[in-house]
N, C-alpha and C. Protein backbone atom coordinates (compact mmCIF):
# COMPACT_ATOMS: atom_id res chain seq x y z
N UNK A 1 -25.62 9.88 19.49
CA UNK A 1 -24.41 9.50 18.80
C UNK A 1 -23.58 8.59 19.71
N UNK A 2 -23.11 7.49 19.15
CA UNK A 2 -22.30 6.54 19.90
C UNK A 2 -20.83 6.80 19.65
N UNK A 3 -20.06 6.90 20.69
CA UNK A 3 -18.61 7.08 20.57
C UNK A 3 -17.96 5.74 20.31
N UNK A 4 -17.12 5.70 19.28
CA UNK A 4 -16.40 4.47 18.94
C UNK A 4 -14.91 4.73 19.00
N UNK A 5 -14.16 3.69 19.29
CA UNK A 5 -12.71 3.80 19.41
C UNK A 5 -12.05 2.95 18.34
N UNK A 6 -11.15 3.58 17.57
CA UNK A 6 -10.41 2.88 16.54
C UNK A 6 -8.93 2.92 16.91
N UNK A 7 -8.25 1.83 16.70
CA UNK A 7 -6.83 1.73 17.04
C UNK A 7 -6.01 1.62 15.77
N UNK A 8 -5.10 2.56 15.56
CA UNK A 8 -4.18 2.50 14.43
C UNK A 8 -2.87 1.87 14.89
N UNK A 9 -2.46 0.81 14.24
CA UNK A 9 -1.23 0.11 14.62
C UNK A 9 -0.22 0.28 13.49
N UNK A 10 0.93 0.90 13.81
CA UNK A 10 1.95 1.18 12.81
C UNK A 10 3.16 0.29 12.96
N UNK A 11 3.44 -0.21 14.12
CA UNK A 11 4.65 -1.02 14.35
C UNK A 11 4.28 -2.49 14.37
N UNK A 12 4.40 -3.15 13.23
CA UNK A 12 4.02 -4.55 13.15
C UNK A 12 5.23 -5.47 13.13
N UNK A 13 6.42 -4.91 13.20
CA UNK A 13 7.63 -5.73 13.23
C UNK A 13 8.00 -6.08 14.65
N UNK A 14 9.26 -6.44 14.88
CA UNK A 14 9.69 -6.85 16.22
C UNK A 14 9.93 -5.67 17.17
N UNK A 15 9.71 -4.43 16.73
CA UNK A 15 9.88 -3.22 17.55
C UNK A 15 11.31 -3.10 18.07
N UNK A 16 12.25 -3.04 17.15
CA UNK A 16 13.67 -2.91 17.49
C UNK A 16 13.95 -1.52 18.02
N UNK A 17 14.74 -1.45 19.07
CA UNK A 17 15.21 -0.16 19.60
C UNK A 17 16.70 -0.28 19.89
N UNK A 18 17.33 0.84 20.22
CA UNK A 18 18.76 0.79 20.55
C UNK A 18 19.01 0.04 21.85
N UNK A 19 17.98 -0.08 22.69
CA UNK A 19 18.12 -0.79 23.95
C UNK A 19 17.95 -2.30 23.80
N UNK A 20 17.12 -2.69 22.82
CA UNK A 20 16.87 -4.10 22.58
C UNK A 20 17.01 -4.35 21.07
N UNK A 21 18.26 -4.57 20.60
CA UNK A 21 18.51 -4.67 19.16
C UNK A 21 17.77 -5.80 18.45
N UNK A 22 17.41 -6.86 19.15
CA UNK A 22 16.66 -7.95 18.51
C UNK A 22 15.17 -7.67 18.53
N UNK A 23 14.76 -6.62 19.22
CA UNK A 23 13.36 -6.25 19.30
C UNK A 23 12.71 -6.78 20.57
N UNK A 24 11.64 -6.13 20.96
CA UNK A 24 10.94 -6.52 22.17
C UNK A 24 10.20 -7.84 22.01
N UNK A 25 9.78 -8.14 20.80
CA UNK A 25 9.06 -9.38 20.56
C UNK A 25 9.53 -10.00 19.24
N UNK A 26 10.77 -10.48 19.19
CA UNK A 26 11.32 -11.00 17.93
C UNK A 26 10.59 -12.24 17.41
N UNK A 27 9.81 -12.90 18.25
CA UNK A 27 9.09 -14.09 17.80
C UNK A 27 8.03 -13.76 16.75
N UNK A 28 7.65 -12.47 16.59
CA UNK A 28 6.62 -12.10 15.64
C UNK A 28 7.20 -11.60 14.31
N UNK A 29 8.49 -11.65 14.13
CA UNK A 29 9.13 -11.10 12.93
C UNK A 29 8.56 -11.67 11.64
N UNK A 30 8.36 -12.96 11.56
CA UNK A 30 7.91 -13.57 10.31
C UNK A 30 6.40 -13.82 10.26
N UNK A 31 5.67 -13.35 11.25
CA UNK A 31 4.22 -13.56 11.27
C UNK A 31 3.55 -12.76 10.15
N UNK A 32 2.61 -13.37 9.43
CA UNK A 32 1.95 -12.65 8.34
C UNK A 32 0.93 -11.67 8.91
N UNK A 33 0.53 -10.72 8.07
CA UNK A 33 -0.32 -9.62 8.52
C UNK A 33 -1.69 -10.09 9.01
N UNK A 34 -2.26 -11.10 8.38
CA UNK A 34 -3.58 -11.59 8.79
C UNK A 34 -3.50 -12.15 10.21
N UNK A 35 -2.46 -12.91 10.53
CA UNK A 35 -2.30 -13.45 11.87
C UNK A 35 -2.03 -12.35 12.89
N UNK A 36 -1.31 -11.30 12.48
CA UNK A 36 -1.07 -10.16 13.38
C UNK A 36 -2.40 -9.50 13.75
N UNK A 37 -3.26 -9.35 12.76
CA UNK A 37 -4.57 -8.74 13.01
C UNK A 37 -5.37 -9.59 13.99
N UNK A 38 -5.42 -10.89 13.74
CA UNK A 38 -6.17 -11.78 14.63
C UNK A 38 -5.62 -11.73 16.05
N UNK A 39 -4.29 -11.68 16.20
CA UNK A 39 -3.68 -11.63 17.53
C UNK A 39 -4.01 -10.32 18.24
N UNK A 40 -3.96 -9.21 17.51
CA UNK A 40 -4.26 -7.91 18.11
C UNK A 40 -5.71 -7.83 18.55
N UNK A 41 -6.60 -8.30 17.68
CA UNK A 41 -8.03 -8.26 18.01
C UNK A 41 -8.34 -9.15 19.21
N UNK A 42 -7.77 -10.34 19.25
CA UNK A 42 -8.00 -11.25 20.37
C UNK A 42 -7.46 -10.67 21.67
N UNK A 43 -6.35 -9.95 21.60
CA UNK A 43 -5.75 -9.39 22.80
C UNK A 43 -6.50 -8.20 23.37
N UNK A 44 -7.19 -7.44 22.53
CA UNK A 44 -7.89 -6.24 22.99
C UNK A 44 -9.38 -6.43 23.18
N UNK A 45 -9.90 -7.51 22.63
CA UNK A 45 -11.31 -7.85 22.85
C UNK A 45 -12.28 -6.72 22.53
N UNK A 46 -13.18 -6.43 23.47
CA UNK A 46 -14.24 -5.45 23.25
C UNK A 46 -13.82 -4.01 23.54
N UNK A 47 -12.54 -3.78 23.86
CA UNK A 47 -12.10 -2.43 24.16
C UNK A 47 -12.04 -1.53 22.92
N UNK A 48 -11.86 -2.14 21.76
CA UNK A 48 -11.68 -1.39 20.52
C UNK A 48 -12.79 -1.77 19.54
N UNK A 49 -13.34 -0.77 18.86
CA UNK A 49 -14.41 -1.01 17.88
C UNK A 49 -13.88 -1.37 16.50
N UNK A 50 -12.72 -0.80 16.13
CA UNK A 50 -12.18 -1.05 14.80
C UNK A 50 -10.66 -0.91 14.85
N UNK A 51 -9.99 -1.48 13.87
CA UNK A 51 -8.53 -1.49 13.82
C UNK A 51 -8.04 -0.99 12.48
N UNK A 52 -6.92 -0.30 12.48
CA UNK A 52 -6.30 0.17 11.26
C UNK A 52 -4.84 -0.26 11.27
N UNK A 53 -4.44 -1.04 10.30
CA UNK A 53 -3.06 -1.48 10.18
C UNK A 53 -2.45 -0.83 8.96
N UNK A 54 -1.30 -0.19 9.13
CA UNK A 54 -0.75 0.66 8.08
C UNK A 54 0.59 0.18 7.53
N UNK A 55 0.95 -1.04 7.76
CA UNK A 55 2.25 -1.51 7.27
C UNK A 55 2.18 -2.98 6.96
N UNK A 56 2.69 -3.46 5.89
CA UNK A 56 3.36 -2.74 4.81
C UNK A 56 2.38 -2.11 3.83
N UNK A 57 1.18 -2.60 3.74
CA UNK A 57 0.12 -1.92 3.01
C UNK A 57 -1.18 -2.32 3.66
N UNK A 58 -2.18 -1.47 3.54
CA UNK A 58 -3.36 -1.61 4.37
C UNK A 58 -4.28 -2.77 3.97
N UNK A 59 -5.01 -3.23 4.96
CA UNK A 59 -6.01 -4.27 4.73
C UNK A 59 -7.26 -3.65 4.11
N UNK A 60 -7.95 -4.43 3.32
CA UNK A 60 -9.22 -4.01 2.74
C UNK A 60 -10.30 -4.91 3.31
N UNK A 61 -11.07 -4.43 4.28
CA UNK A 61 -12.06 -5.29 4.93
C UNK A 61 -13.14 -5.81 3.99
N UNK A 62 -13.28 -5.21 2.81
CA UNK A 62 -14.26 -5.67 1.83
C UNK A 62 -13.70 -6.74 0.90
N UNK A 63 -12.42 -7.08 1.04
CA UNK A 63 -11.77 -8.04 0.16
C UNK A 63 -11.39 -9.27 0.98
N UNK A 64 -12.13 -10.36 0.80
CA UNK A 64 -11.91 -11.58 1.59
C UNK A 64 -11.48 -12.73 0.68
N UNK A 65 -10.65 -13.62 1.22
CA UNK A 65 -10.31 -14.83 0.46
C UNK A 65 -11.41 -15.87 0.68
N UNK A 66 -11.25 -17.06 0.10
CA UNK A 66 -12.29 -18.09 0.18
C UNK A 66 -12.55 -18.56 1.60
N UNK A 67 -11.58 -18.35 2.51
CA UNK A 67 -11.75 -18.75 3.91
C UNK A 67 -12.27 -17.63 4.79
N UNK A 68 -12.57 -16.48 4.20
CA UNK A 68 -13.08 -15.35 4.97
C UNK A 68 -12.01 -14.48 5.58
N UNK A 69 -10.73 -14.74 5.27
CA UNK A 69 -9.65 -13.90 5.79
C UNK A 69 -9.58 -12.60 5.00
N UNK A 70 -9.34 -11.51 5.71
CA UNK A 70 -9.24 -10.20 5.07
C UNK A 70 -7.94 -10.11 4.29
N UNK A 71 -8.04 -9.64 3.05
CA UNK A 71 -6.87 -9.44 2.20
C UNK A 71 -6.46 -7.97 2.22
N UNK A 72 -5.33 -7.68 1.63
CA UNK A 72 -4.85 -6.31 1.55
C UNK A 72 -5.51 -5.59 0.39
N UNK A 73 -5.32 -4.26 0.39
CA UNK A 73 -5.79 -3.51 -0.76
C UNK A 73 -4.82 -3.70 -1.92
N UNK A 74 -5.33 -3.54 -3.12
CA UNK A 74 -4.49 -3.57 -4.30
C UNK A 74 -4.16 -2.12 -4.65
N UNK A 75 -2.91 -1.86 -5.00
CA UNK A 75 -2.47 -0.50 -5.32
C UNK A 75 -1.81 -0.51 -6.69
N UNK A 76 -2.18 0.46 -7.52
CA UNK A 76 -1.60 0.54 -8.85
C UNK A 76 -1.36 2.00 -9.22
N UNK A 77 -0.61 2.22 -10.29
CA UNK A 77 -0.35 3.56 -10.79
C UNK A 77 -0.81 3.64 -12.25
N UNK A 78 -1.51 4.73 -12.56
CA UNK A 78 -1.90 5.05 -13.93
C UNK A 78 -1.00 6.17 -14.41
N UNK A 79 -0.47 6.04 -15.63
CA UNK A 79 0.36 7.10 -16.20
C UNK A 79 -0.43 7.81 -17.30
N UNK A 80 -0.40 9.13 -17.26
CA UNK A 80 -1.04 9.97 -18.28
C UNK A 80 0.01 10.98 -18.74
N UNK A 81 0.09 11.18 -20.04
CA UNK A 81 1.09 12.10 -20.60
C UNK A 81 0.46 13.02 -21.63
N UNK A 82 1.01 14.24 -21.75
CA UNK A 82 0.57 15.15 -22.81
C UNK A 82 1.41 14.95 -24.06
N UNK A 83 2.50 14.21 -23.98
CA UNK A 83 3.33 13.90 -25.13
C UNK A 83 4.19 12.69 -24.82
N UNK A 84 4.53 11.93 -25.82
CA UNK A 84 5.29 10.71 -25.60
C UNK A 84 4.37 9.60 -25.13
N UNK A 85 4.95 8.51 -24.68
CA UNK A 85 4.14 7.40 -24.19
C UNK A 85 4.96 6.55 -23.22
N UNK A 86 4.26 5.76 -22.46
CA UNK A 86 4.89 4.78 -21.58
C UNK A 86 4.55 3.40 -22.12
N UNK A 87 5.41 2.44 -21.82
CA UNK A 87 5.17 1.07 -22.31
C UNK A 87 3.86 0.52 -21.74
N UNK A 88 3.64 0.75 -20.44
CA UNK A 88 2.42 0.27 -19.76
C UNK A 88 1.71 1.46 -19.13
N UNK A 89 0.46 1.68 -19.51
CA UNK A 89 -0.31 2.79 -18.94
C UNK A 89 -0.65 2.56 -17.47
N UNK A 90 -0.74 1.28 -17.08
CA UNK A 90 -1.11 0.92 -15.71
C UNK A 90 -0.12 -0.13 -15.21
N UNK A 91 0.36 0.05 -13.99
CA UNK A 91 1.27 -0.92 -13.37
C UNK A 91 0.79 -1.21 -11.96
N UNK A 92 0.64 -2.49 -11.63
CA UNK A 92 0.29 -2.91 -10.27
C UNK A 92 1.53 -2.73 -9.40
N UNK A 93 1.37 -2.04 -8.27
CA UNK A 93 2.48 -1.84 -7.32
C UNK A 93 2.42 -2.86 -6.18
N UNK A 94 1.21 -3.04 -5.62
CA UNK A 94 0.98 -4.00 -4.54
C UNK A 94 -0.18 -4.89 -4.92
N UNK A 95 0.04 -6.19 -4.91
CA UNK A 95 -1.01 -7.17 -5.15
C UNK A 95 -1.69 -7.48 -3.82
N UNK A 96 -2.99 -7.70 -3.84
CA UNK A 96 -3.74 -7.92 -2.58
C UNK A 96 -3.31 -9.19 -1.85
N UNK A 97 -2.70 -10.14 -2.53
CA UNK A 97 -2.27 -11.40 -1.89
C UNK A 97 -0.76 -11.49 -1.69
N UNK A 98 0.01 -11.01 -2.66
CA UNK A 98 1.46 -11.24 -2.61
C UNK A 98 2.26 -10.03 -2.16
N UNK A 99 1.64 -8.85 -2.10
CA UNK A 99 2.35 -7.66 -1.64
C UNK A 99 3.05 -6.91 -2.76
N UNK A 100 4.11 -6.21 -2.38
CA UNK A 100 4.85 -5.39 -3.34
C UNK A 100 5.41 -6.28 -4.45
N UNK A 101 5.17 -5.85 -5.67
CA UNK A 101 5.68 -6.61 -6.81
C UNK A 101 7.17 -6.32 -6.98
N UNK A 102 7.94 -7.32 -7.40
CA UNK A 102 9.39 -7.16 -7.47
C UNK A 102 9.84 -6.15 -8.52
N UNK A 103 9.07 -5.96 -9.58
CA UNK A 103 9.46 -5.02 -10.62
C UNK A 103 8.28 -4.15 -11.00
N UNK A 104 8.44 -2.84 -10.85
CA UNK A 104 7.39 -1.90 -11.23
C UNK A 104 7.96 -0.85 -12.18
N UNK A 105 9.01 -1.20 -12.89
CA UNK A 105 9.68 -0.28 -13.81
C UNK A 105 8.85 -0.16 -15.09
N UNK A 106 8.78 1.05 -15.62
CA UNK A 106 8.10 1.28 -16.90
C UNK A 106 9.05 2.07 -17.80
N UNK A 107 8.86 1.95 -19.10
CA UNK A 107 9.69 2.66 -20.07
C UNK A 107 8.95 3.89 -20.57
N UNK A 108 9.63 5.04 -20.54
CA UNK A 108 9.09 6.29 -21.05
C UNK A 108 9.72 6.55 -22.42
N UNK A 109 8.88 6.75 -23.42
CA UNK A 109 9.36 7.05 -24.78
C UNK A 109 9.07 8.51 -25.06
N UNK A 110 10.10 9.27 -25.44
CA UNK A 110 9.98 10.71 -25.65
C UNK A 110 9.04 11.02 -26.81
N UNK A 111 8.39 12.19 -26.75
CA UNK A 111 7.55 12.60 -27.88
C UNK A 111 8.42 12.92 -29.10
N UNK A 112 7.81 12.89 -30.27
CA UNK A 112 8.53 13.16 -31.52
C UNK A 112 8.96 14.63 -31.61
N UNK A 113 8.10 15.54 -31.19
CA UNK A 113 8.38 16.97 -31.32
C UNK A 113 8.99 17.54 -30.04
N UNK A 114 9.92 18.46 -30.22
CA UNK A 114 10.51 19.15 -29.07
C UNK A 114 9.43 20.00 -28.39
N UNK A 115 9.56 20.18 -27.09
CA UNK A 115 8.61 21.01 -26.37
C UNK A 115 8.46 20.60 -24.92
N UNK A 116 7.56 21.27 -24.24
CA UNK A 116 7.30 21.01 -22.83
C UNK A 116 6.04 20.15 -22.71
N UNK A 117 6.12 19.16 -21.84
CA UNK A 117 5.03 18.19 -21.67
C UNK A 117 4.84 17.92 -20.18
N UNK A 118 3.78 17.19 -19.88
CA UNK A 118 3.48 16.80 -18.50
C UNK A 118 3.28 15.30 -18.43
N UNK A 119 3.74 14.71 -17.33
CA UNK A 119 3.44 13.32 -17.02
C UNK A 119 2.75 13.32 -15.66
N UNK A 120 1.63 12.63 -15.57
CA UNK A 120 0.95 12.46 -14.29
C UNK A 120 1.03 10.99 -13.91
N UNK A 121 1.44 10.74 -12.69
CA UNK A 121 1.40 9.39 -12.12
C UNK A 121 0.30 9.42 -11.05
N UNK A 122 -0.78 8.70 -11.30
CA UNK A 122 -1.92 8.68 -10.38
C UNK A 122 -1.91 7.32 -9.68
N UNK A 123 -1.68 7.33 -8.36
CA UNK A 123 -1.64 6.10 -7.58
C UNK A 123 -3.02 5.90 -6.96
N UNK A 124 -3.57 4.70 -7.17
CA UNK A 124 -4.93 4.39 -6.71
C UNK A 124 -4.94 3.10 -5.91
N UNK A 125 -5.96 2.98 -5.05
CA UNK A 125 -6.18 1.70 -4.37
C UNK A 125 -7.60 1.24 -4.65
N UNK A 126 -7.89 0.00 -4.31
CA UNK A 126 -9.20 -0.57 -4.64
C UNK A 126 -10.30 -0.17 -3.67
N UNK A 127 -10.01 0.83 -2.81
CA UNK A 127 -11.05 1.34 -1.91
C UNK A 127 -11.40 2.78 -2.27
N UNK A 128 -10.92 3.25 -3.43
CA UNK A 128 -11.28 4.59 -3.89
C UNK A 128 -10.26 5.67 -3.57
N UNK A 129 -9.18 5.32 -2.89
CA UNK A 129 -8.15 6.30 -2.57
C UNK A 129 -7.31 6.62 -3.79
N UNK A 130 -6.84 7.86 -3.87
CA UNK A 130 -5.99 8.26 -4.99
C UNK A 130 -5.11 9.44 -4.58
N UNK A 131 -3.93 9.48 -5.14
CA UNK A 131 -3.04 10.63 -5.03
C UNK A 131 -2.26 10.69 -6.33
N UNK A 132 -1.65 11.83 -6.62
CA UNK A 132 -0.95 11.93 -7.88
C UNK A 132 0.29 12.80 -7.76
N UNK A 133 1.12 12.64 -8.77
CA UNK A 133 2.36 13.39 -8.88
C UNK A 133 2.42 13.91 -10.30
N UNK A 134 2.73 15.20 -10.46
CA UNK A 134 2.89 15.79 -11.77
C UNK A 134 4.38 16.01 -12.02
N UNK A 135 4.85 15.54 -13.18
CA UNK A 135 6.27 15.67 -13.52
C UNK A 135 6.37 16.45 -14.83
N UNK A 136 7.01 17.64 -14.79
CA UNK A 136 7.20 18.36 -16.05
C UNK A 136 8.28 17.67 -16.89
N UNK A 137 8.06 17.56 -18.18
CA UNK A 137 9.02 16.95 -19.10
C UNK A 137 9.39 17.96 -20.18
N UNK A 138 10.64 17.95 -20.60
CA UNK A 138 11.08 18.82 -21.70
C UNK A 138 11.79 17.95 -22.72
N UNK A 139 11.28 17.93 -23.92
CA UNK A 139 11.91 17.16 -25.02
C UNK A 139 12.66 18.12 -25.92
N UNK A 140 13.88 17.73 -26.31
CA UNK A 140 14.69 18.57 -27.22
C UNK A 140 14.74 17.97 -28.58
């Protein structure tokens, strides 16, 4: 078995602290995520086998643009209800190229009959990840 080392990088901004309010490296504030990855990989060379970047949303190494640059994962939410309906059953939250979408609001329409219902919001990514939230609903 070969031991491999993976580096998770969480601080991709200028690393602001109370001691250095402009950040330790303010020149990287507007750098895009793809260039940050290239800079980190070039700086660490063969010391690291793989990299994980967790902000603002993760890269998907299987999703490349026409130039071979790694794109981000796409993230969306599916809504499922036992009563009532939503305007859109599926809403994209993060686009693989543009990031967080400016509006992810959906309209919930109450069921016709009074009673207790459930709404599930299932958040998925294009790499098979999923998590969900169950919300109890009561219609009068």
